[in-house]
Protein backbone atom coordinates (compact mmCIF):
# COMPACT_ATOMS: atom_id res chain seq x y z
CA MET A 1 8.69 -36.30 -24.83
CA ASN A 2 7.77 -33.15 -22.90
CA THR A 3 7.78 -29.75 -25.39
CA PRO A 4 9.18 -27.16 -23.39
CA LEU A 5 6.96 -24.10 -22.98
CA SER A 6 7.24 -21.30 -25.19
CA ARG A 7 7.85 -17.39 -23.04
CA THR A 8 4.64 -16.69 -24.88
CA THR A 9 2.94 -19.65 -23.49
CA ARG A 10 5.09 -19.57 -19.72
CA GLU A 11 3.76 -16.03 -19.90
CA MET A 12 0.33 -16.72 -20.43
CA LYS A 13 0.17 -19.31 -17.95
CA LYS A 14 1.37 -17.04 -15.19
CA SER A 15 -0.63 -14.46 -15.95
CA ASN A 16 -3.65 -16.98 -15.36
CA ILE A 17 -2.30 -17.57 -12.36
CA ALA A 18 -2.04 -13.80 -11.20
CA LEU A 19 -5.70 -13.43 -12.67
CA VAL A 20 -7.13 -16.24 -10.67
CA ILE A 21 -5.15 -15.86 -7.59
CA GLY A 22 -6.36 -11.83 -7.25
CA MET A 23 -10.13 -12.79 -7.95
CA LEU A 24 -10.15 -15.54 -5.43
CA LYS A 25 -9.03 -13.29 -2.74
CA SER A 26 -11.08 -10.50 -3.70
CA LEU A 27 -14.32 -13.08 -3.46
CA GLY A 28 -12.84 -14.57 -0.61
CA THR A 29 -14.29 -18.21 -1.56
CA ALA A 30 -15.59 -19.17 -5.12
CA THR A 31 -15.91 -22.46 -7.58
CA LYS A 32 -14.04 -22.98 -10.61
CA GLY A 33 -17.45 -21.77 -12.54
CA GLU A 34 -17.53 -18.56 -10.72
CA LEU A 35 -13.57 -17.60 -11.30
CA ALA A 36 -14.35 -18.81 -15.04
CA GLN A 37 -17.19 -15.99 -15.37
CA GLN A 38 -15.34 -13.13 -13.18
CA THR A 39 -11.88 -14.20 -14.75
CA GLY A 40 -13.04 -14.71 -18.50
CA LEU A 41 -10.74 -17.37 -18.45
CA SER A 42 -12.05 -21.24 -19.65
CA SER A 43 -13.41 -23.35 -17.23
CA ALA A 44 -10.56 -25.94 -17.73
CA THR A 45 -8.15 -23.19 -17.22
CA CYS A 46 -9.23 -22.11 -13.94
CA GLY A 47 -9.29 -26.20 -13.10
CA ALA A 48 -5.73 -26.22 -13.89
CA VAL A 49 -4.51 -23.08 -12.19
CA LEU A 50 -6.31 -24.01 -8.98
CA ASN A 51 -5.05 -27.96 -9.14
CA GLU A 52 -1.32 -26.42 -9.51
CA LEU A 53 -2.05 -24.03 -6.50
CA THR A 54 -3.94 -26.70 -4.35
CA LEU A 55 -0.71 -28.77 -4.84
CA THR A 56 1.33 -25.83 -3.54
CA GLY A 57 -0.65 -25.09 -0.70
CA GLU A 58 -1.22 -21.68 -1.95
CA VAL A 59 -5.08 -22.51 -2.40
CA LEU A 60 -7.05 -24.47 -0.25
CA ALA A 61 -9.86 -27.15 -1.66
CA LEU A 62 -13.18 -26.67 0.71
CA GLU A 63 -16.58 -28.42 0.55
CA PHE A 64 -18.69 -29.41 -1.95
CA GLU A 65 -21.88 -27.21 -3.00
CA ALA A 66 -24.81 -29.16 -2.82
CA SER A 67 -26.05 -30.87 -5.77
CA ARG A 68 -28.05 -29.37 -7.95
CA GLY A 69 -28.86 -32.81 -9.78
CA GLY A 70 -25.14 -32.51 -11.50
CA ARG A 71 -21.73 -33.00 -9.81
CA PRO A 72 -21.45 -30.75 -7.16
CA ALA A 73 -18.92 -27.70 -7.46
CA GLN A 74 -15.65 -27.58 -4.97
CA ARG A 75 -15.32 -24.49 -3.28
CA TYR A 76 -11.71 -23.01 -2.72
CA ALA A 77 -10.01 -19.99 -0.96
CA CYS A 78 -6.28 -18.62 -0.69
CA ASN A 79 -4.61 -19.80 2.17
CA PRO A 80 -4.26 -17.32 4.38
CA ASP A 81 -1.04 -19.50 6.26
CA PHE A 82 0.73 -19.50 3.12
CA PHE A 83 3.14 -16.85 3.69
CA SER A 84 2.75 -13.75 6.22
CA VAL A 85 3.62 -9.75 5.24
CA LEU A 86 5.22 -7.69 7.86
CA SER A 87 4.87 -4.21 7.20
CA LEU A 88 6.88 -1.59 9.08
CA TYR A 89 7.12 2.39 8.83
CA ALA A 90 9.62 4.61 10.51
CA ALA A 91 7.85 8.03 11.74
CA GLY A 92 8.94 11.01 13.13
CA SER A 93 12.59 13.41 12.73
CA ASP A 94 15.33 12.70 14.39
CA ALA A 95 14.69 15.07 17.28
CA ARG A 96 11.49 11.99 18.07
CA ALA A 97 10.82 8.61 16.03
CA GLU A 98 8.88 5.87 16.58
CA LEU A 99 8.67 2.39 14.97
CA VAL A 100 5.29 1.08 13.81
CA TRP A 101 4.69 -2.17 12.62
CA ALA A 102 1.71 -5.19 11.22
CA VAL A 103 1.82 -8.13 10.13
CA SER A 104 -0.59 -10.07 8.44
CA SER A 105 -1.88 -13.06 6.74
CA ALA A 106 -1.27 -13.62 2.93
CA THR A 107 -4.78 -12.61 2.60
CA GLY A 108 -4.74 -9.64 4.10
CA ASN A 109 -5.81 -10.49 7.69
CA LEU A 110 -4.57 -8.57 10.64
CA LEU A 111 -2.19 -10.81 13.15
CA ASP A 112 -0.81 -8.39 15.20
CA GLN A 113 0.72 -4.91 15.31
CA GLY A 114 2.66 -2.22 17.68
CA GLU A 115 4.60 0.25 17.62
CA MET A 116 7.73 1.51 19.78
CA PRO A 117 10.05 4.71 20.47
CA PHE A 118 13.15 4.72 17.96
CA LEU A 119 15.97 4.66 20.67
CA PRO A 120 18.36 4.64 20.35
CA LEU A 121 18.54 6.52 16.92
CA MET A 122 20.45 4.10 15.04
CA VAL A 123 19.60 1.61 12.02
CA GLU A 124 20.60 -1.35 13.88
CA THR A 125 17.56 -0.63 16.16
CA PHE A 126 15.97 -0.86 13.12
CA ASP A 127 17.17 -4.26 12.01
CA THR A 128 17.02 -5.58 15.26
CA LEU A 129 13.29 -4.84 15.36
CA ILE A 130 12.90 -6.43 11.97
CA ALA A 131 14.98 -9.37 13.71
CA SER A 132 12.54 -10.07 16.59
CA LEU A 133 9.54 -9.80 14.16
CA LEU A 134 10.93 -12.69 12.47
CA ALA A 135 11.87 -14.72 14.98
CA LYS A 136 7.99 -14.29 16.36
CA TYR A 137 6.67 -15.12 13.06
CA PRO A 138 8.62 -17.28 11.29
CA GLY A 139 6.17 -17.12 8.41
CA VAL A 140 6.87 -13.90 7.32
CA ARG A 141 8.26 -13.85 3.58
CA VAL A 142 7.62 -10.61 2.72
CA ILE A 143 8.82 -7.08 4.03
CA GLY A 144 7.41 -3.58 3.38
CA ILE A 145 9.32 -0.28 4.57
CA GLY A 146 7.58 3.10 4.91
CA LEU A 147 9.73 6.06 5.49
CA PRO A 148 9.41 9.88 5.34
CA GLY A 149 11.60 10.59 2.40
CA VAL A 150 11.91 10.28 -1.07
CA VAL A 151 12.75 6.84 -1.99
CA VAL A 152 14.24 6.77 -5.80
CA ASP A 153 15.81 3.08 -7.50
CA ASP A 154 15.44 1.63 -3.45
CA VAL A 155 17.91 4.34 -2.53
CA VAL A 156 16.71 6.88 0.14
CA GLY A 157 16.99 10.19 -0.84
CA TYR A 158 16.00 13.06 1.64
CA CYS A 159 14.17 11.79 4.45
CA ASP A 160 13.08 13.55 7.81
CA ILE A 161 14.61 10.77 9.77
CA SER A 162 18.46 11.44 8.64
CA LEU A 163 20.04 8.01 9.28
CA PHE A 164 17.91 6.42 6.08
CA SER A 165 19.13 9.51 3.88
CA GLY A 166 21.90 7.31 1.06
CA LEU A 167 20.89 3.74 2.36
CA PRO A 168 19.83 1.17 -0.22
CA ILE A 169 17.12 0.18 2.48
CA ALA A 170 15.09 -2.50 0.76
CA ALA A 171 17.86 -3.95 -0.70
CA ARG A 172 19.96 -4.23 2.60
CA THR A 173 16.75 -5.27 4.44
CA ALA A 174 16.59 -8.30 1.76
CA ARG A 175 20.16 -9.55 2.04
CA GLN A 176 19.71 -10.24 5.67
CA THR A 177 16.39 -11.46 6.08
CA GLY A 178 16.41 -13.48 3.04
CA CYS A 179 12.87 -12.02 2.39
CA PHE A 180 11.02 -10.14 -0.55
CA THR A 181 11.68 -6.13 0.73
CA GLN A 182 9.99 -2.91 -0.99
CA ALA A 183 10.14 0.11 1.01
CA GLY A 184 8.41 3.52 -0.31
CA ASN A 185 7.17 7.07 0.40
CA ASP A 186 5.23 7.42 3.50
CA LEU A 187 2.31 9.30 2.26
CA ASN A 188 2.32 7.27 -1.31
CA TYR A 189 1.45 4.39 0.87
CA THR A 190 -0.82 6.44 2.89
CA VAL A 191 -2.93 7.27 0.19
CA TRP A 192 -3.43 3.52 -1.23
CA GLY A 193 -4.26 2.62 2.24
CA PHE A 194 -7.16 5.17 2.07
CA TYR A 195 -8.16 4.31 -1.58
CA ARG A 196 -8.36 0.82 -1.11
CA SER A 197 -10.62 1.26 2.00
CA SER A 198 -12.80 4.05 0.99
CA CYS A 199 -12.41 4.86 -2.61
CA ALA A 200 -12.11 1.42 -4.44
CA GLY A 201 -12.92 1.42 -7.85
CA VAL A 202 -13.06 5.27 -8.12
CA SER A 203 -11.29 6.32 -11.11
CA ALA A 204 -11.47 10.18 -10.43
CA PRO A 205 -8.37 11.38 -8.63
CA VAL A 206 -8.02 10.97 -4.49
CA ALA A 207 -5.56 12.51 -2.15
CA TYR A 208 -4.12 12.35 1.11
CA LEU A 209 -2.80 15.66 2.59
CA TYR A 210 -0.80 14.99 6.20
CA LYS A 211 0.37 17.49 8.14
CA PRO A 212 2.95 16.31 10.71
CA ASP A 213 3.56 18.06 13.85
CA VAL A 214 7.52 19.37 13.01
CA HIS A 215 7.34 18.88 9.33
CA TYR A 216 5.98 21.05 6.18
CA PRO A 217 2.74 18.88 5.26
CA GLY A 218 2.94 15.71 2.28
CA CYS A 219 0.57 14.80 -0.17
CA GLY A 220 0.16 11.17 -1.99
CA MET A 221 -2.32 11.22 -4.74
CA VAL A 222 -3.91 8.40 -6.99
CA ILE A 223 -5.46 8.78 -10.58
CA ASP A 224 -7.15 6.05 -12.38
CA GLY A 225 -6.58 4.03 -9.94
CA LYS A 226 -2.53 4.39 -9.63
CA VAL A 227 -0.54 6.09 -7.24
CA LEU A 228 1.21 8.89 -8.98
CA THR A 229 4.77 8.82 -8.28
CA GLY A 230 5.67 11.76 -10.76
CA VAL A 231 9.27 10.55 -13.04
CA SER A 232 11.79 10.68 -10.14
CA ASN A 233 9.58 9.83 -7.36
CA PHE A 234 8.75 13.97 -6.18
CA ALA A 235 5.16 13.90 -6.63
CA GLY A 236 3.75 14.89 -3.42
CA GLU A 237 6.25 17.19 -2.15
CA VAL A 238 4.58 20.02 -1.62
CA LEU A 239 6.39 21.55 1.11
CA HIS A 240 7.87 23.06 -2.48
CA LEU A 241 5.17 24.72 -3.19
CA PRO A 242 6.08 28.78 -3.13
CA PHE A 243 3.70 29.91 -0.35
CA ASN A 244 6.02 26.87 1.97
CA VAL A 245 9.11 28.25 0.37
CA GLU A 246 8.70 31.45 1.94
CA GLY A 247 7.97 30.52 5.37
CA GLU A 248 5.51 28.33 6.71
CA PRO A 249 2.06 29.68 6.99
CA PRO A 250 -0.39 29.21 10.19
CA LEU A 251 -1.76 25.68 10.03
CA VAL A 252 -4.89 25.77 8.66
CA GLU A 253 -4.23 28.73 5.97
CA GLY A 254 -1.05 26.65 4.84
CA MET A 255 -3.18 23.25 4.29
CA ALA A 256 -6.11 25.31 2.44
CA LYS A 257 -3.71 26.51 0.35
CA THR A 258 -2.80 23.27 -0.44
CA LEU A 259 -5.82 21.95 -1.27
CA VAL A 260 -6.53 25.27 -3.46
CA SER A 261 -2.92 23.82 -5.14
CA LEU A 262 -4.45 20.10 -5.58
CA THR A 263 -7.57 21.43 -6.54
CA ALA A 264 -6.33 23.16 -9.23
CA LEU A 265 -3.44 20.55 -10.72
CA ILE A 266 -5.50 16.99 -10.41
CA ASN A 267 -9.44 18.32 -9.29
CA PRO A 268 -9.63 15.40 -6.75
CA ARG A 269 -12.81 14.04 -6.19
CA THR A 270 -11.74 13.23 -2.65
CA VAL A 271 -9.04 14.69 -0.15
CA ALA A 272 -8.30 12.79 3.41
CA VAL A 273 -6.73 15.46 5.41
CA ALA A 274 -5.12 14.11 9.00
CA GLY A 275 -2.14 15.94 11.19
CA ASP A 276 -0.83 15.99 14.70
CA ASN A 277 -2.49 19.27 14.97
CA ILE A 278 -5.25 18.68 12.72
CA ARG A 279 -9.06 18.83 14.34
CA ALA A 280 -12.09 17.53 12.42
CA ASP A 281 -13.03 21.32 13.06
CA HIS A 282 -10.71 22.52 10.97
CA LEU A 283 -11.75 21.52 8.15
CA PRO A 284 -15.01 23.94 7.13
CA GLU A 285 -12.16 26.24 7.73
CA MET A 286 -10.18 25.27 5.49
CA ARG A 287 -13.15 24.81 3.08
CA GLU A 288 -13.97 28.81 3.39
CA ILE A 289 -10.40 30.01 2.56
CA CYS A 290 -10.39 27.47 -0.41
CA LEU A 291 -13.84 28.79 -1.86
CA ARG A 292 -11.74 32.24 -1.78
CA TYR A 293 -9.81 30.85 -5.10
CA VAL A 294 -11.87 27.98 -5.84
CA PRO A 295 -16.17 28.19 -6.69
CA GLU A 296 -17.15 25.25 -4.98
CA LYS A 297 -18.17 23.24 -7.76
CA HIS A 298 -15.04 22.70 -8.16
CA LEU A 299 -13.73 21.58 -4.75
CA PRO A 300 -13.20 17.90 -3.12
CA GLU A 301 -15.00 16.15 -0.57
CA LEU A 302 -12.94 16.53 2.88
CA ILE A 303 -12.51 13.58 4.79
CA TYR A 304 -11.23 13.95 8.44
CA ARG A 305 -8.97 11.29 9.64
CA ASP A 306 -7.60 11.48 13.00
CA SER A 307 -4.23 8.98 12.44
CA ILE A 308 -2.76 7.62 9.47
CA ARG A 309 -2.00 4.84 11.21
CA GLN A 310 -4.00 1.84 9.70
CA ASP A 311 -4.19 3.55 6.02
CA TYR A 312 -0.40 3.47 6.19
CA LEU A 313 0.23 0.01 7.23
CA GLN A 314 -2.67 -1.03 4.52
CA GLY A 315 -1.19 0.69 2.41
CA ILE A 316 2.27 -0.57 3.10
CA ALA A 317 0.89 -4.42 3.01
CA ASP A 318 -1.39 -3.65 -0.16
CA ARG A 319 1.10 -2.23 -2.46
CA THR A 320 4.20 -4.30 -1.27
CA LEU A 321 2.19 -7.81 -1.68
CA GLN A 322 1.36 -6.59 -5.42
CA GLN A 323 4.56 -6.27 -5.85
CA TYR A 324 5.73 -9.57 -4.69
CA ASN A 325 2.99 -11.75 -6.52
CA TYR A 326 4.64 -10.11 -9.65
CA HIS A 327 7.57 -10.80 -8.52
CA ARG A 328 7.60 -14.22 -7.86
CA LEU A 329 5.36 -15.05 -10.96
CA TYR A 330 7.15 -13.23 -13.62
CA ALA A 331 11.14 -12.52 -11.91
CA GLU A 332 13.25 -14.79 -14.15
C-alpha cells in the first residue's frame, strides 16, 4: 500500500525540485553530482528529482561524460522548449503610447521581440496583440505585464495610461488566455532587469532612476537582492518628493535632487540613470549638483542607460518566471 505523503514531506519535495531547477538553470548543464555539491542535497535526492523532471520533459538528459574509471556521469539541462514566456509592457501616456513585447524560452533565451503604436488607445488593442502573439507562439504559458503605474493586489491604481486604471489586469488576462499572468510597476521590473544583468549577487542597495518625456521621474530599488515595493507598492514614486510637488524643476537639477534623496534614504551603491531626454553628459552635471548636498564618499556610482527597454523586458521575464515557478510548485 502506498503511504500518502505528509504536507511536510510534500513541501520538502517541492522545495528540492525548485532548488534543482534553479541551480540547473544557473549552471546551464550539470551532472547529478555537481547539482548535489552546489545545492547541498544528497546525490540520491538530486537523482530522484532529475528522473522525475526528465519524465515530464522539463529537463533533458544529455550526453554521458567520459569515464574516469567508474560509471560515466550523465549531464542534464533544462529544456528551453518546455514553455515560453511573453513579456509585454505599455509605455507612454494618454497622448502617445506604445506596446513593447518579447517572447523568451523557459531558460531565458530571447526568441522574438517587437513593438507597435498603442492605437487605437483601447484595452481591446492590448487584448488583440496578446491574442496574436499567443497564436504565433502557442508554447507561451506565462505572461508578464509592465505598466507605468501602481499595481496593488492585481488592481491597477493610478496609471499614466488611464485606460488601465481600476482594471484587475493580470486576472483579466489570465482568464482570457489561460496563461499564468502577473502585472507590475514599470520601474520595479526595470531595476530588477538591471540588477540581474549588471549587479547580480550585490547585497548593497541598487536603484534605477528614469525620467520619461511627459511625466515626472520614477524610481525602482533593489535592496539585499529584493525589489523594494513598500507596504502599499508605493516605494519609488519620487514624483511626490516636495521639490517635484512644488513644480517640476529643470531636468538635470530635478534628477540630481532625486539622487540626493535616494542617497540619504537608502545610500545605494549604484544608480542607473535613463530618460527620454537624458544624455550621458548629463551625469557629471548631476554629480556636481549632488556634491553641494552630499559628501563625495557617500555618492553612488552613476551608470547611464540609453534605453530602459532591455532592462525592462528582462525584469518582466525574470520576475514573472520566478513567480510562475513558485505558483506551479506550491499553489494548491
